[in-house]
Protein backbone atom coordinates (compact mmCIF):
# COMPACT_ATOMS: atom_id res chain seq x y z
CA MET A 1 -29.46 -13.98 0.13
CA GLY A 2 -31.77 -11.28 0.93
CA LEU A 3 -34.49 -8.86 -0.84
CA VAL A 4 -33.62 -5.35 -1.68
CA ILE A 5 -36.14 -3.01 -2.26
CA PRO A 6 -34.77 0.68 -2.54
CA ARG A 7 -37.13 3.48 -1.42
CA HIS A 8 -38.24 4.77 -4.81
CA VAL A 9 -39.23 1.27 -5.47
CA MET A 10 -41.00 1.46 -1.89
CA LYS A 11 -42.69 4.89 -2.76
CA GLN A 12 -43.66 3.41 -6.14
CA LEU A 13 -45.24 0.04 -4.08
CA SER A 14 -46.98 2.47 -1.88
CA ALA A 15 -48.90 3.85 -4.63
CA MET A 16 -49.96 0.73 -5.45
CA PRO A 17 -53.37 -0.69 -3.91
CA ARG A 18 -52.53 -2.91 -1.17
CA ALA A 19 -53.62 -6.10 -2.20
CA ASP A 20 -51.77 -6.45 -5.42
CA ALA A 21 -49.06 -4.66 -3.40
CA THR A 22 -48.53 -7.27 -0.77
CA ARG A 23 -48.84 -10.58 -4.15
CA LEU A 24 -46.13 -9.16 -5.51
CA LEU A 25 -43.82 -8.53 -2.21
CA ASP A 26 -45.17 -12.44 -1.06
CA ARG A 27 -43.40 -13.27 -5.02
CA LEU A 28 -40.00 -11.11 -4.74
CA GLU A 29 -39.74 -12.97 -1.48
CA GLU A 30 -40.27 -16.36 -3.33
CA ILE A 31 -37.71 -15.70 -5.41
CA ALA A 32 -35.40 -14.30 -3.31
CA LEU A 33 -35.05 -17.38 -1.27
CA ALA A 34 -34.70 -19.58 -4.05
CA PRO A 35 -32.90 -17.07 -7.45
CA GLU A 36 -31.14 -19.86 -8.79
CA VAL A 37 -34.80 -21.79 -9.90
CA GLN A 38 -36.92 -21.00 -11.91
CA HIS A 39 -40.07 -19.15 -10.98
CA PRO A 40 -43.44 -19.19 -12.86
CA ASN A 41 -43.50 -16.21 -14.25
CA VAL A 42 -40.43 -14.74 -14.48
CA LEU A 43 -38.49 -14.27 -17.25
CA PRO A 44 -35.22 -12.39 -18.15
CA LEU A 45 -36.04 -8.97 -20.67
CA VAL A 46 -34.63 -8.79 -23.79
CA GLY A 47 -32.45 -6.37 -24.05
CA THR A 48 -31.37 -5.92 -20.34
CA PRO A 49 -29.29 -8.68 -19.73
CA GLY A 50 -29.24 -9.50 -15.97
CA SER A 51 -32.42 -8.06 -15.98
CA PHE A 52 -35.87 -10.03 -15.20
CA ARG A 53 -39.80 -9.59 -14.59
CA VAL A 54 -42.04 -11.11 -12.40
CA ARG A 55 -46.33 -10.97 -13.09
CA GLN A 56 -48.55 -10.53 -10.65
CA GLY A 57 -51.94 -10.14 -12.15
CA ASP A 58 -51.32 -6.25 -13.94
CA TRP A 59 -48.00 -5.08 -12.32
CA ARG A 60 -44.75 -5.77 -12.91
CA ALA A 61 -41.44 -5.91 -11.20
CA VAL A 62 -38.21 -5.55 -12.50
CA PHE A 63 -35.38 -6.74 -10.59
CA SER A 64 -31.73 -8.34 -11.24
CA ILE A 65 -29.54 -11.14 -9.10
CA GLU A 66 -26.64 -9.44 -7.65
CA GLU A 67 -24.30 -11.76 -5.07
CA GLY A 68 -27.03 -14.12 -4.83
CA ASP A 69 -29.35 -10.93 -3.36
CA VAL A 70 -32.83 -9.98 -5.57
CA VAL A 71 -32.25 -5.44 -6.13
CA VAL A 72 -36.11 -4.69 -7.14
CA GLU A 73 -35.56 -1.79 -9.56
CA ARG A 74 -39.03 -0.87 -10.57
CA VAL A 75 -42.74 -1.99 -10.73
CA ALA A 76 -45.71 -0.57 -12.12
CA HIS A 77 -48.24 -1.34 -14.45
CA ARG A 78 -47.45 -3.46 -17.00
CA ARG A 79 -48.73 -0.38 -19.25
CA GLU A 80 -45.73 1.77 -18.44
CA VAL A 81 -43.21 -0.31 -16.85
CA TYR A 82 -41.15 -0.95 -19.60
CA ARG A 83 -41.14 2.72 -20.57
């Protein structure tokens, strides 16, 4: 089990304020340690089976769980992430 962050997501994280990016990464690491447990502020995305979102302040990360790994698909501000 682990956290998989593709290169394009790392670029999105680097564009965020550093404190917000650090908190969001910490949340994603917690989820990766126990992906089968219900975590606070994590909800499944409607219309996209197998995808979830985690909320950290005004920022959202959309991820999926594949073979026990948490794969981050995108990170963006709340007004842009679902477009």
